[in-house]
Protein backbone atom coordinates (compact mmCIF):
# COMPACT_ATOMS: atom_id res chain seq x y z
CA MET A 1 34.90 49.59 9.55
CA VAL A 2 37.67 48.73 12.68
CA GLU A 3 38.52 45.39 13.38
CA ILE A 4 41.14 44.52 17.04
CA PHE A 5 43.41 41.94 17.29
CA LYS A 6 44.87 40.32 20.49
CA THR A 7 48.63 39.53 19.44
CA ASN A 8 52.03 39.16 21.52
CA VAL A 9 54.11 42.07 20.80
CA GLN A 10 55.94 42.67 23.10
CA LYS A 11 58.63 45.85 21.90
CA LYS A 12 57.88 49.26 19.69
CA THR A 13 60.37 47.59 17.35
CA GLN A 14 58.65 44.68 16.96
CA GLY A 15 55.36 46.42 16.35
CA LYS A 16 57.05 49.22 13.90
CA MET A 17 58.52 46.08 12.16
CA LEU A 18 54.49 44.69 12.10
CA LEU A 19 53.48 48.31 10.93
CA ARG A 20 56.24 48.61 8.01
CA ILE A 21 54.82 45.11 6.61
CA LEU A 22 51.40 45.51 7.11
CA HIS A 23 51.00 49.59 5.52
CA GLU A 24 53.29 47.63 2.79
CA ALA A 25 50.35 45.13 2.26
CA PHE A 26 47.39 47.01 3.15
CA PRO A 27 48.43 50.65 2.19
CA SER A 28 45.20 51.80 1.96
CA LEU A 29 44.07 50.69 5.98
CA LYS A 30 45.44 52.93 8.96
CA ILE A 31 47.21 50.52 11.67
CA ASN A 32 48.38 50.95 14.94
CA PHE A 33 49.48 48.86 18.54
CA ASP A 34 48.61 50.14 21.25
CA LEU A 35 51.63 47.72 23.37
CA SER A 36 50.07 49.30 26.72
CA ASP A 37 46.94 46.86 26.05
CA VAL A 38 46.94 43.78 27.77
CA ASP A 39 45.96 42.68 24.38
CA LYS A 40 48.25 44.18 22.64
CA VAL A 41 45.84 44.95 20.65
CA LEU A 42 46.67 45.85 16.74
CA ARG A 43 44.08 48.18 15.62
CA VAL A 44 43.07 47.74 11.41
CA GLU A 45 41.08 51.04 10.19
CA GLY A 46 39.53 50.81 6.96
CA GLU A 47 37.55 49.82 3.64
CA ASN A 48 37.50 46.34 2.73
CA ILE A 49 39.67 44.74 5.39
CA THR A 50 40.63 41.05 5.23
CA ALA A 51 40.66 39.60 8.20
CA SER A 52 42.14 36.55 7.95
CA ARG A 53 45.30 37.80 5.52
CA ILE A 54 46.22 39.88 8.10
CA VAL A 55 46.31 36.98 11.31
CA ILE A 56 48.21 35.20 8.73
CA LEU A 57 51.11 37.70 7.33
CA VAL A 58 51.68 38.55 12.13
CA LYS A 59 51.49 34.42 12.30
CA GLU A 60 53.89 34.24 9.30
CA HIS A 61 56.82 36.79 11.48
CA GLY A 62 56.65 34.25 14.19
CA PHE A 63 53.71 36.22 16.24
CA LYS A 64 50.59 35.24 17.18
CA CYS A 65 46.70 37.46 15.99
CA GLU A 66 43.29 36.16 16.86
CA LEU A 67 40.66 38.75 15.72
CA LEU A 68 38.73 40.73 19.31
CA ASP A 69 34.68 40.32 19.11
């Protein structure tokens, strides 16, 4: 399963920080950012993805995050 999220992450350092946090919370998932995309895409791949928890965790760290259809 793959979920794609739109974020407002602008800098690589911000992305790296969020990746560390997300990997700690969801160690079995493959997670990466595409900051060159207009939507600053956060891509999450794996089994049993809880999109709402990912959105909440990103927002708790001061960033916008929404699931793309």
